[in-house]
Amino acid sequence: MKKVIIQRGCKNLSIEHCVYILECSDGSLYTGYTNDLAKRLKMHEQGKGAKYTRGRGPLKLRFHQVFSTKQEAMQIEYRIKKLTRFQKQQIIAKQRVGAVIDIRE
């Protein structure tokens, strides 16, 4: 059974308009959007999340950031998915999307 390991002191995981990055057991990174992070993490854990994460557990939540609108969050998710692995690791290390990309664009 896959297990999602929550790190970095995440307290309230029921968050609206959230972009997140998971690290898979093979070291690859998965970026997603959700309006309920706790529910989405549980879906990934149960193998009901994205096809990409199935069979790649255990998964670790490495980053999440809340945005004020769904549109903004989905635009940021799209832009993160186009980044290199190194750039995604910078976001994880700094715990801020704005540290790597200009979110005002």
PDB file of N, CA and C in Angstrom:
ATOM      1  N   MET A   1       0.838  -1.183   0.000  1.00  0.00           N
ATOM      2  CA  MET A   1       0.000   0.000   0.000  1.00  0.00           C
ATOM      3  C   MET A   1       0.881   1.244   0.000  1.00  0.00           C
ATOM      4  N   LYS A   2       0.520   2.208  -0.817  1.00  0.00           N
ATOM      5  CA  LYS A   2       1.270   3.460  -0.872  1.00  0.00           C
ATOM      6  C   LYS A   2       1.018   4.278   0.371  1.00  0.00           C
ATOM      7  N   LYS A   3       1.998   5.010   0.764  1.00  0.00           N
ATOM      8  CA  LYS A   3       1.883   5.883   1.929  1.00  0.00           C
ATOM      9  C   LYS A   3       2.351   7.266   1.529  1.00  0.00           C
ATOM     10  N   VAL A   4       1.570   8.268   1.849  1.00  0.00           N
ATOM     11  CA  VAL A   4       1.978   9.643   1.602  1.00  0.00           C
ATOM     12  C   VAL A   4       2.555  10.179   2.894  1.00  0.00           C
ATOM     13  N   ILE A   5       3.787  10.617   2.842  1.00  0.00           N
ATOM     14  CA  ILE A   5       4.458  11.140   4.020  1.00  0.00           C
ATOM     15  C   ILE A   5       4.408  12.661   3.954  1.00  0.00           C
ATOM     16  N   ILE A   6       3.798  13.257   4.951  1.00  0.00           N
ATOM     17  CA  ILE A   6       3.642  14.707   4.985  1.00  0.00           C
ATOM     18  C   ILE A   6       4.791  15.298   5.773  1.00  0.00           C
ATOM     19  N   GLN A   7       5.488  16.248   5.157  1.00  0.00           N
ATOM     20  CA  GLN A   7       6.644  16.858   5.795  1.00  0.00           C
ATOM     21  C   GLN A   7       6.495  18.367   5.831  1.00  0.00           C
ATOM     22  N   ARG A   8       7.455  19.017   6.466  1.00  0.00           N
ATOM     23  CA  ARG A   8       7.544  20.470   6.529  1.00  0.00           C
ATOM     24  C   ARG A   8       6.440  21.101   7.361  1.00  0.00           C
ATOM     25  N   GLY A   9       5.922  20.406   8.352  1.00  0.00           N
ATOM     26  CA  GLY A   9       5.004  21.005   9.308  1.00  0.00           C
ATOM     27  C   GLY A   9       3.684  21.463   8.736  1.00  0.00           C
ATOM     28  N   CYS A  10       3.138  20.762   7.762  1.00  0.00           N
ATOM     29  CA  CYS A  10       1.841  21.139   7.207  1.00  0.00           C
ATOM     30  C   CYS A  10       0.780  20.912   8.270  1.00  0.00           C
ATOM     31  N   LYS A  11       0.063  21.944   8.615  1.00  0.00           N
ATOM     32  CA  LYS A  11      -0.927  21.833   9.679  1.00  0.00           C
ATOM     33  C   LYS A  11      -2.323  21.622   9.126  1.00  0.00           C
ATOM     34  N   ASN A  12      -2.808  22.543   8.326  1.00  0.00           N
ATOM     35  CA  ASN A  12      -4.153  22.443   7.787  1.00  0.00           C
ATOM     36  C   ASN A  12      -4.066  21.977   6.345  1.00  0.00           C
ATOM     37  N   LEU A  13      -4.422  20.727   6.097  1.00  0.00           N
ATOM     38  CA  LEU A  13      -4.274  20.184   4.760  1.00  0.00           C
ATOM     39  C   LEU A  13      -5.535  20.297   3.918  1.00  0.00           C
ATOM     40  N   SER A  14      -6.651  20.767   4.475  1.00  0.00           N
ATOM     41  CA  SER A  14      -7.842  21.012   3.674  1.00  0.00           C
ATOM     42  C   SER A  14      -7.767  22.455   3.187  1.00  0.00           C
ATOM     43  N   ILE A  15      -7.103  22.630   2.078  1.00  0.00           N
ATOM     44  CA  ILE A  15      -6.790  23.957   1.576  1.00  0.00           C
ATOM     45  C   ILE A  15      -7.414  24.133   0.197  1.00  0.00           C
ATOM     46  N   GLU A  16      -7.974  25.297  -0.049  1.00  0.00           N
ATOM     47  CA  GLU A  16      -8.522  25.572  -1.371  1.00  0.00           C
ATOM     48  C   GLU A  16      -7.439  26.112  -2.292  1.00  0.00           C
ATOM     49  N   HIS A  17      -7.550  25.798  -3.575  1.00  0.00           N
ATOM     50  CA  HIS A  17      -6.678  26.309  -4.624  1.00  0.00           C
ATOM     51  C   HIS A  17      -5.201  26.124  -4.278  1.00  0.00           C
ATOM     52  N   CYS A  18      -4.818  24.895  -4.182  1.00  0.00           N
ATOM     53  CA  CYS A  18      -3.474  24.539  -3.745  1.00  0.00           C
ATOM     54  C   CYS A  18      -2.708  23.847  -4.875  1.00  0.00           C
ATOM     55  N   VAL A  19      -1.465  24.252  -5.056  1.00  0.00           N
ATOM     56  CA  VAL A  19      -0.540  23.577  -5.961  1.00  0.00           C
ATOM     57  C   VAL A  19       0.446  22.820  -5.080  1.00  0.00           C
ATOM     58  N   TYR A  20       0.746  21.584  -5.445  1.00  0.00           N
ATOM     59  CA  TYR A  20       1.620  20.764  -4.610  1.00  0.00           C
ATOM     60  C   TYR A  20       2.613  19.998  -5.468  1.00  0.00           C
ATOM     61  N   ILE A  21       3.713  19.604  -4.830  1.00  0.00           N
ATOM     62  CA  ILE A  21       4.718  18.767  -5.484  1.00  0.00           C
ATOM     63  C   ILE A  21       4.958  17.554  -4.596  1.00  0.00           C
ATOM     64  N   LEU A  22       4.819  16.375  -5.193  1.00  0.00           N
ATOM     65  CA  LEU A  22       5.101  15.117  -4.504  1.00  0.00           C
ATOM     66  C   LEU A  22       6.408  14.552  -5.033  1.00  0.00           C
ATOM     67  N   GLU A  23       7.150  13.907  -4.148  1.00  0.00           N
ATOM     68  CA  GLU A  23       8.325  13.153  -4.578  1.00  0.00           C
ATOM     69  C   GLU A  23       7.960  11.684  -4.536  1.00  0.00           C
ATOM     70  N   CYS A  24       8.169  10.996  -5.646  1.00  0.00           N
ATOM     71  CA  CYS A  24       7.871   9.568  -5.736  1.00  0.00           C
ATOM     72  C   CYS A  24       9.071   8.763  -5.238  1.00  0.00           C
ATOM     73  N   SER A  25       8.846   7.478  -4.980  1.00  0.00           N
ATOM     74  CA  SER A  25       9.916   6.631  -4.442  1.00  0.00           C
ATOM     75  C   SER A  25      11.096   6.502  -5.400  1.00  0.00           C
ATOM     76  N   ASP A  26      10.856   6.700  -6.699  1.00  0.00           N
ATOM     77  CA  ASP A  26      11.952   6.640  -7.671  1.00  0.00           C
ATOM     78  C   ASP A  26      12.680   7.977  -7.807  1.00  0.00           C
ATOM     79  N   GLY A  27      12.298   8.950  -6.970  1.00  0.00           N
ATOM     80  CA  GLY A  27      12.948  10.255  -6.978  1.00  0.00           C
ATOM     81  C   GLY A  27      12.330  11.264  -7.930  1.00  0.00           C
ATOM     82  N   SER A  28      11.386  10.823  -8.750  1.00  0.00           N
ATOM     83  CA  SER A  28      10.744  11.754  -9.677  1.00  0.00           C
ATOM     84  C   SER A  28       9.782  12.668  -8.922  1.00  0.00           C
ATOM     85  N   LEU A  29       9.456  13.796  -9.546  1.00  0.00           N
ATOM     86  CA  LEU A  29       8.587  14.790  -8.922  1.00  0.00           C
ATOM     87  C   LEU A  29       7.280  14.894  -9.700  1.00  0.00           C
ATOM     88  N   TYR A  30       6.173  14.950  -8.975  1.00  0.00           N
ATOM     89  CA  TYR A  30       4.849  15.101  -9.581  1.00  0.00           C
ATOM     90  C   TYR A  30       4.234  16.395  -9.072  1.00  0.00           C
ATOM     91  N   THR A  31       3.729  17.219  -9.970  1.00  0.00           N
ATOM     92  CA  THR A  31       3.089  18.483  -9.614  1.00  0.00           C
ATOM     93  C   THR A  31       1.601  18.382  -9.893  1.00  0.00           C
ATOM     94  N   GLY A  32       0.788  18.871  -8.951  1.00  0.00           N
ATOM     95  CA  GLY A  32      -0.654  18.832  -9.143  1.00  0.00           C
ATOM     96  C   GLY A  32      -1.361  20.025  -8.532  1.00  0.00           C
ATOM     97  N   TYR A  33      -2.650  20.116  -8.840  1.00  0.00           N
ATOM     98  CA  TYR A  33      -3.542  21.149  -8.291  1.00  0.00           C
ATOM     99  C   TYR A  33      -4.691  20.441  -7.591  1.00  0.00           C
ATOM    100  N   THR A  34      -5.174  21.026  -6.502  1.00  0.00           N
ATOM    101  CA  THR A  34      -6.364  20.514  -5.835  1.00  0.00           C
ATOM    102  C   THR A  34      -7.030  21.632  -5.051  1.00  0.00           C
ATOM    103  N   ASN A  35      -8.304  21.420  -4.735  1.00  0.00           N
ATOM    104  CA  ASN A  35      -8.986  22.361  -3.838  1.00  0.00           C
ATOM    105  C   ASN A  35      -9.182  21.737  -2.461  1.00  0.00           C
ATOM    106  N   ASP A  36      -8.649  20.532  -2.273  1.00  0.00           N
ATOM    107  CA  ASP A  36      -8.699  19.854  -0.975  1.00  0.00           C
ATOM    108  C   ASP A  36      -7.466  18.951  -0.877  1.00  0.00           C
ATOM    109  N   LEU A  37      -6.406  19.466  -0.309  1.00  0.00           N
ATOM    110  CA  LEU A  37      -5.123  18.755  -0.302  1.00  0.00           C
ATOM    111  C   LEU A  37      -5.191  17.442   0.471  1.00  0.00           C
ATOM    112  N   ALA A  38      -5.822  17.440   1.619  1.00  0.00           N
ATOM    113  CA  ALA A  38      -5.899  16.207   2.418  1.00  0.00           C
ATOM    114  C   ALA A  38      -6.595  15.095   1.635  1.00  0.00           C
ATOM    115  N   LYS A  39      -7.695  15.433   0.983  1.00  0.00           N
ATOM    116  CA  LYS A  39      -8.444  14.444   0.201  1.00  0.00           C
ATOM    117  C   LYS A  39      -7.616  13.956  -0.987  1.00  0.00           C
ATOM    118  N   ARG A  40      -6.936  14.876  -1.651  1.00  0.00           N
ATOM    119  CA  ARG A  40      -6.137  14.508  -2.820  1.00  0.00           C
ATOM    120  C   ARG A  40      -4.958  13.621  -2.432  1.00  0.00           C
ATOM    121  N   LEU A  41      -4.315  13.911  -1.320  1.00  0.00           N
ATOM    122  CA  LEU A  41      -3.211  13.072  -0.858  1.00  0.00           C
ATOM    123  C   LEU A  41      -3.700  11.667  -0.539  1.00  0.00           C
ATOM    124  N   LYS A  42      -4.879  11.583   0.055  1.00  0.00           N
ATOM    125  CA  LYS A  42      -5.458  10.273   0.364  1.00  0.00           C
ATOM    126  C   LYS A  42      -5.745   9.504  -0.926  1.00  0.00           C
ATOM    127  N   MET A  43      -6.241  10.204  -1.941  1.00  0.00           N
ATOM    128  CA  MET A  43      -6.498   9.552  -3.231  1.00  0.00           C
ATOM    129  C   MET A  43      -5.201   9.009  -3.829  1.00  0.00           C
ATOM    130  N   HIS A  44      -4.142   9.802  -3.770  1.00  0.00           N
ATOM    131  CA  HIS A  44      -2.838   9.327  -4.266  1.00  0.00           C
ATOM    132  C   HIS A  44      -2.402   8.088  -3.482  1.00  0.00           C
ATOM    133  N   GLU A  45      -2.575   8.133  -2.166  1.00  0.00           N
ATOM    134  CA  GLU A  45      -2.178   7.020  -1.301  1.00  0.00           C
ATOM    135  C   GLU A  45      -2.930   5.744  -1.652  1.00  0.00           C
ATOM    136  N   GLN A  46      -4.197   5.879  -2.019  1.00  0.00           N
ATOM    137  CA  GLN A  46      -5.041   4.726  -2.345  1.00  0.00           C
ATOM    138  C   GLN A  46      -4.902   4.280  -3.797  1.00  0.00           C
ATOM    139  N   GLY A  47      -4.039   4.938  -4.555  1.00  0.00           N
ATOM    140  CA  GLY A  47      -3.859   4.577  -5.956  1.00  0.00           C
ATOM    141  C   GLY A  47      -4.948   5.113  -6.859  1.00  0.00           C
ATOM    142  N   LYS A  48      -5.742   6.059  -6.361  1.00  0.00           N
ATOM    143  CA  LYS A  48      -6.839   6.637  -7.139  1.00  0.00           C
ATOM    144  C   LYS A  48      -6.491   8.033  -7.649  1.00  0.00           C
ATOM    145  N   GLY A  49      -5.264   8.451  -7.427  1.00  0.00           N
ATOM    146  CA  GLY A  49      -4.818   9.762  -7.897  1.00  0.00           C
ATOM    147  C   GLY A  49      -4.369   9.669  -9.348  1.00  0.00           C
ATOM    148  N   ALA A  50      -3.413  10.453  -9.710  1.00  0.00           N
ATOM    149  CA  ALA A  50      -2.899  10.485 -11.077  1.00  0.00           C
ATOM    150  C   ALA A  50      -2.262   9.150 -11.453  1.00  0.00           C
ATOM    151  N   LYS A  51      -2.406   8.770 -12.712  1.00  0.00           N
ATOM    152  CA  LYS A  51      -1.786   7.530 -13.187  1.00  0.00           C
ATOM    153  C   LYS A  51      -0.278   7.542 -12.943  1.00  0.00           C
ATOM    154  N   TYR A  52       0.326   8.713 -13.076  1.00  0.00           N
ATOM    155  CA  TYR A  52       1.775   8.816 -12.925  1.00  0.00           C
ATOM    156  C   TYR A  52       2.245   8.343 -11.555  1.00  0.00           C
ATOM    157  N   THR A  53       1.498   8.640 -10.506  1.00  0.00           N
ATOM    158  CA  THR A  53       1.953   8.312  -9.151  1.00  0.00           C
ATOM    159  C   THR A  53       1.629   6.878  -8.743  1.00  0.00           C
ATOM    160  N   ARG A  54       0.771   6.207  -9.497  1.00  0.00           N
ATOM    161  CA  ARG A  54       0.431   4.817  -9.157  1.00  0.00           C
ATOM    162  C   ARG A  54       1.662   3.935  -9.323  1.00  0.00           C
ATOM    163  N   GLY A  55       1.934   3.137  -8.304  1.00  0.00           N
ATOM    164  CA  GLY A  55       3.090   2.251  -8.359  1.00  0.00           C
ATOM    165  C   GLY A  55       4.415   2.940  -8.080  1.00  0.00           C
ATOM    166  N   ARG A  56       4.367   4.203  -7.725  1.00  0.00           N
ATOM    167  CA  ARG A  56       5.595   4.942  -7.428  1.00  0.00           C
ATOM    168  C   ARG A  56       5.660   5.347  -5.961  1.00  0.00           C
ATOM    169  N   GLY A  57       4.867   4.713  -5.113  1.00  0.00           N
ATOM    170  CA  GLY A  57       4.846   5.046  -3.693  1.00  0.00           C
ATOM    171  C   GLY A  57       5.981   4.355  -2.964  1.00  0.00           C
ATOM    172  N   PRO A  58       6.281   4.767  -1.738  1.00  0.00           N
ATOM    173  CA  PRO A  58       5.566   5.823  -1.015  1.00  0.00           C
ATOM    174  C   PRO A  58       5.871   7.208  -1.586  1.00  0.00           C
ATOM    175  N   LEU A  59       4.904   8.085  -1.425  1.00  0.00           N
ATOM    176  CA  LEU A  59       5.001   9.457  -1.916  1.00  0.00           C
ATOM    177  C   LEU A  59       5.267  10.394  -0.751  1.00  0.00           C
ATOM    178  N   LYS A  60       6.022  11.446  -1.015  1.00  0.00           N
ATOM    179  CA  LYS A  60       6.308  12.439   0.026  1.00  0.00           C
ATOM    180  C   LYS A  60       5.839  13.800  -0.465  1.00  0.00           C
ATOM    181  N   LEU A  61       5.058  14.483   0.350  1.00  0.00           N
ATOM    182  CA  LEU A  61       4.660  15.849   0.033  1.00  0.00           C
ATOM    183  C   LEU A  61       5.860  16.742   0.311  1.00  0.00           C
ATOM    184  N   ARG A  62       6.395  17.357  -0.739  1.00  0.00           N
ATOM    185  CA  ARG A  62       7.590  18.180  -0.591  1.00  0.00           C
ATOM    186  C   ARG A  62       7.286  19.673  -0.589  1.00  0.00           C
ATOM    187  N   PHE A  63       6.147  20.046  -1.183  1.00  0.00           N
ATOM    188  CA  PHE A  63       5.826  21.469  -1.300  1.00  0.00           C
ATOM    189  C   PHE A  63       4.333  21.638  -1.520  1.00  0.00           C
ATOM    190  N   HIS A  64       3.782  22.691  -0.950  1.00  0.00           N
ATOM    191  CA  HIS A  64       2.431  23.127  -1.320  1.00  0.00           C
ATOM    192  C   HIS A  64       2.319  24.621  -1.084  1.00  0.00           C
ATOM    193  N   GLN A  65       1.513  25.257  -1.919  1.00  0.00           N
ATOM    194  CA  GLN A  65       1.287  26.695  -1.782  1.00  0.00           C
ATOM    195  C   GLN A  65      -0.158  26.985  -2.153  1.00  0.00           C
ATOM    196  N   VAL A  66      -0.784  27.845  -1.367  1.00  0.00           N
ATOM    197  CA  VAL A  66      -2.182  28.222  -1.562  1.00  0.00           C
ATOM    198  C   VAL A  66      -2.250  29.485  -2.419  1.00  0.00           C
ATOM    199  N   PHE A  67      -3.223  29.516  -3.310  1.00  0.00           N
ATOM    200  CA  PHE A  67      -3.463  30.682  -4.148  1.00  0.00           C
ATOM    201  C   PHE A  67      -4.897  31.149  -3.955  1.00  0.00           C
ATOM    202  N   SER A  68      -5.141  32.414  -4.244  1.00  0.00           N
ATOM    203  CA  SER A  68      -6.455  32.994  -3.955  1.00  0.00           C
ATOM    204  C   SER A  68      -7.532  32.563  -4.940  1.00  0.00           C
ATOM    205  N   THR A  69      -7.144  32.185  -6.154  1.00  0.00           N
ATOM    206  CA  THR A  69      -8.145  31.750  -7.132  1.00  0.00           C
ATOM    207  C   THR A  69      -7.717  30.442  -7.792  1.00  0.00           C
ATOM    208  N   LYS A  70      -8.693  29.726  -8.297  1.00  0.00           N
ATOM    209  CA  LYS A  70      -8.427  28.484  -9.012  1.00  0.00           C
ATOM    210  C   LYS A  70      -7.606  28.771 -10.269  1.00  0.00           C
ATOM    211  N   GLN A  71      -7.965  29.834 -10.970  1.00  0.00           N
ATOM    212  CA  GLN A  71      -7.261  30.196 -12.196  1.00  0.00           C
ATOM    213  C   GLN A  71      -5.774  30.432 -11.932  1.00  0.00           C
ATOM    214  N   GLU A  72      -5.479  31.188 -10.897  1.00  0.00           N
ATOM    215  CA  GLU A  72      -4.085  31.472 -10.560  1.00  0.00           C
ATOM    216  C   GLU A  72      -3.336  30.181 -10.224  1.00  0.00           C
ATOM    217  N   ALA A  73      -3.946  29.329  -9.409  1.00  0.00           N
ATOM    218  CA  ALA A  73      -3.305  28.071  -9.010  1.00  0.00           C
ATOM    219  C   ALA A  73      -3.048  27.174 -10.214  1.00  0.00           C
ATOM    220  N   MET A  74      -4.024  27.079 -11.108  1.00  0.00           N
ATOM    221  CA  MET A  74      -3.858  26.209 -12.270  1.00  0.00           C
ATOM    222  C   MET A  74      -2.814  26.760 -13.246  1.00  0.00           C
ATOM    223  N   GLN A  75      -2.717  28.069 -13.343  1.00  0.00           N
ATOM    224  CA  GLN A  75      -1.672  28.664 -14.182  1.00  0.00           C
ATOM    225  C   GLN A  75      -0.287  28.368 -13.608  1.00  0.00           C
ATOM    226  N   ILE A  76      -0.167  28.473 -12.292  1.00  0.00           N
ATOM    227  CA  ILE A  76       1.117  28.182 -11.641  1.00  0.00           C
ATOM    228  C   ILE A  76       1.457  26.701 -11.784  1.00  0.00           C
ATOM    229  N   GLU A  77       0.473  25.824 -11.614  1.00  0.00           N
ATOM    230  CA  GLU A  77       0.707  24.387 -11.796  1.00  0.00           C
ATOM    231  C   GLU A  77       1.253  24.128 -13.202  1.00  0.00           C
ATOM    232  N   TYR A  78       0.627  24.710 -14.196  1.00  0.00           N
ATOM    233  CA  TYR A  78       1.048  24.541 -15.590  1.00  0.00           C
ATOM    234  C   TYR A  78       2.492  25.004 -15.780  1.00  0.00           C
ATOM    235  N   ARG A  79       2.817  26.141 -15.205  1.00  0.00           N
ATOM    236  CA  ARG A  79       4.166  26.693 -15.347  1.00  0.00           C
ATOM    237  C   ARG A  79       5.205  25.851 -14.608  1.00  0.00           C
ATOM    238  N   ILE A  80       4.845  25.330 -13.432  1.00  0.00           N
ATOM    239  CA  ILE A  80       5.774  24.464 -12.691  1.00  0.00           C
ATOM    240  C   ILE A  80       6.055  23.199 -13.488  1.00  0.00           C
ATOM    241  N   LYS A  81       5.027  22.638 -14.108  1.00  0.00           N
ATOM    242  CA  LYS A  81       5.208  21.404 -14.875  1.00  0.00           C
ATOM    243  C   LYS A  81       6.186  21.589 -16.031  1.00  0.00           C
ATOM    244  N   LYS A  82       6.371  22.803 -16.501  1.00  0.00           N
ATOM    245  CA  LYS A  82       7.303  23.074 -17.597  1.00  0.00           C
ATOM    246  C   LYS A  82       8.737  23.313 -17.112  1.00  0.00           C
ATOM    247  N   LEU A  83       8.923  23.434 -15.812  1.00  0.00           N
ATOM    248  CA  LEU A  83      10.248  23.705 -15.257  1.00  0.00           C
ATOM    249  C   LEU A  83      11.127  22.462 -15.295  1.00  0.00           C
ATOM    250  N   THR A  84      12.422  22.685 -15.186  1.00  0.00           N
ATOM    251  CA  THR A  84      13.366  21.573 -15.085  1.00  0.00           C
ATOM    252  C   THR A  84      13.290  20.990 -13.670  1.00  0.00           C
ATOM    253  N   ARG A  85      13.844  19.814 -13.519  1.00  0.00           N
ATOM    254  CA  ARG A  85      13.900  19.187 -12.196  1.00  0.00           C
ATOM    255  C   ARG A  85      14.644  20.094 -11.209  1.00  0.00           C
ATOM    256  N   PHE A  86      15.751  20.676 -11.667  1.00  0.00           N
ATOM    257  CA  PHE A  86      16.539  21.560 -10.811  1.00  0.00           C
ATOM    258  C   PHE A  86      15.696  22.738 -10.323  1.00  0.00           C
ATOM    259  N   GLN A  87      14.939  23.345 -11.208  1.00  0.00           N
ATOM    260  CA  GLN A  87      14.093  24.482 -10.828  1.00  0.00           C
ATOM    261  C   GLN A  87      13.011  24.055  -9.832  1.00  0.00           C
ATOM    262  N   LYS A  88      12.443  22.873 -10.032  1.00  0.00           N
ATOM    263  CA  LYS A  88      11.441  22.360  -9.079  1.00  0.00           C
ATOM    264  C   LYS A  88      12.084  22.122  -7.716  1.00  0.00           C
ATOM    265  N   GLN A  89      13.314  21.625  -7.719  1.00  0.00           N
ATOM    266  CA  GLN A  89      14.021  21.416  -6.456  1.00  0.00           C
ATOM    267  C   GLN A  89      14.295  22.744  -5.753  1.00  0.00           C
ATOM    268  N   GLN A  90      14.512  23.807  -6.520  1.00  0.00           N
ATOM    269  CA  GLN A  90      14.688  25.131  -5.919  1.00  0.00           C
ATOM    270  C   GLN A  90      13.399  25.591  -5.241  1.00  0.00           C
ATOM    271  N   ILE A  91      12.270  25.356  -5.879  1.00  0.00           N
ATOM    272  CA  ILE A  91      10.978  25.701  -5.272  1.00  0.00           C
ATOM    273  C   ILE A  91      10.819  24.948  -3.964  1.00  0.00           C
ATOM    274  N   ILE A  92      11.134  23.655  -3.977  1.00  0.00           N
ATOM    275  CA  ILE A  92      11.021  22.831  -2.769  1.00  0.00           C
ATOM    276  C   ILE A  92      11.953  23.362  -1.679  1.00  0.00           C
ATOM    277  N   ALA A  93      13.186  23.658  -2.032  1.00  0.00           N
ATOM    278  CA  ALA A  93      14.169  24.127  -1.049  1.00  0.00           C
ATOM    279  C   ALA A  93      13.767  25.466  -0.435  1.00  0.00           C
ATOM    280  N   LYS A  94      13.230  26.354  -1.248  1.00  0.00           N
ATOM    281  CA  LYS A  94      12.874  27.690  -0.763  1.00  0.00           C
ATOM    282  C   LYS A  94      11.434  27.780  -0.277  1.00  0.00           C
ATOM    283  N   GLN A  95      10.635  26.725  -0.562  1.00  0.00           N
ATOM    284  CA  GLN A  95       9.226  26.666  -0.159  1.00  0.00           C
ATOM    285  C   GLN A  95       8.428  27.876  -0.654  1.00  0.00           C
ATOM    286  N   ARG A  96       8.779  28.348  -1.846  1.00  0.00           N
ATOM    287  CA  ARG A  96       8.073  29.469  -2.461  1.00  0.00           C
ATOM    288  C   ARG A  96       8.191  29.374  -3.975  1.00  0.00           C
ATOM    289  N   VAL A  97       7.060  29.404  -4.666  1.00  0.00           N
ATOM    290  CA  VAL A  97       7.092  29.407  -6.123  1.00  0.00           C
ATOM    291  C   VAL A  97       7.767  30.674  -6.619  1.00  0.00           C
ATOM    292  N   GLY A  98       7.474  31.802  -5.979  1.00  0.00           N
ATOM    293  CA  GLY A  98       8.019  33.089  -6.393  1.00  0.00           C
ATOM    294  C   GLY A  98       9.529  33.172  -6.333  1.00  0.00           C
ATOM    295  N   ALA A  99      10.164  32.227  -5.658  1.00  0.00           N
ATOM    296  CA  ALA A  99      11.627  32.206  -5.595  1.00  0.00           C
ATOM    297  C   ALA A  99      12.230  31.763  -6.925  1.00  0.00           C
ATOM    298  N   VAL A 100      11.430  31.125  -7.767  1.00  0.00           N
ATOM    299  CA  VAL A 100      11.931  30.577  -9.026  1.00  0.00           C
ATOM    300  C   VAL A 100      11.266  31.223 -10.242  1.00  0.00           C
ATOM    301  N   ILE A 101       9.947  31.424 -10.182  1.00  0.00           N
ATOM    302  CA  ILE A 101       9.235  32.029 -11.309  1.00  0.00           C
ATOM    303  C   ILE A 101       8.468  33.255 -10.840  1.00  0.00           C
ATOM    304  N   ASP A 102       8.266  34.180 -11.755  1.00  0.00           N
ATOM    305  CA  ASP A 102       7.508  35.392 -11.441  1.00  0.00           C
ATOM    306  C   ASP A 102       6.029  35.039 -11.504  1.00  0.00           C
ATOM    307  N   ILE A 103       5.372  34.996 -10.366  1.00  0.00           N
ATOM    308  CA  ILE A 103       3.967  34.585 -10.335  1.00  0.00           C
ATOM    309  C   ILE A 103       3.024  35.714 -10.725  1.00  0.00           C
ATOM    310  N   ARG A 104       3.561  36.886 -11.001  1.00  0.00           N
ATOM    311  CA  ARG A 104       2.722  38.018 -11.409  1.00  0.00           C
ATOM    312  C   ARG A 104       2.469  38.029 -12.906  1.00  0.00           C
ATOM    313  N   GLU A 105       3.163  37.178 -13.658  1.00  0.00           N
ATOM    314  CA  GLU A 105       3.013  37.160 -15.124  1.00  0.00           C
ATOM    315  C   GLU A 105       1.652  36.677 -15.532  1.00  0.00           C
TER     316      GLU A 105
END
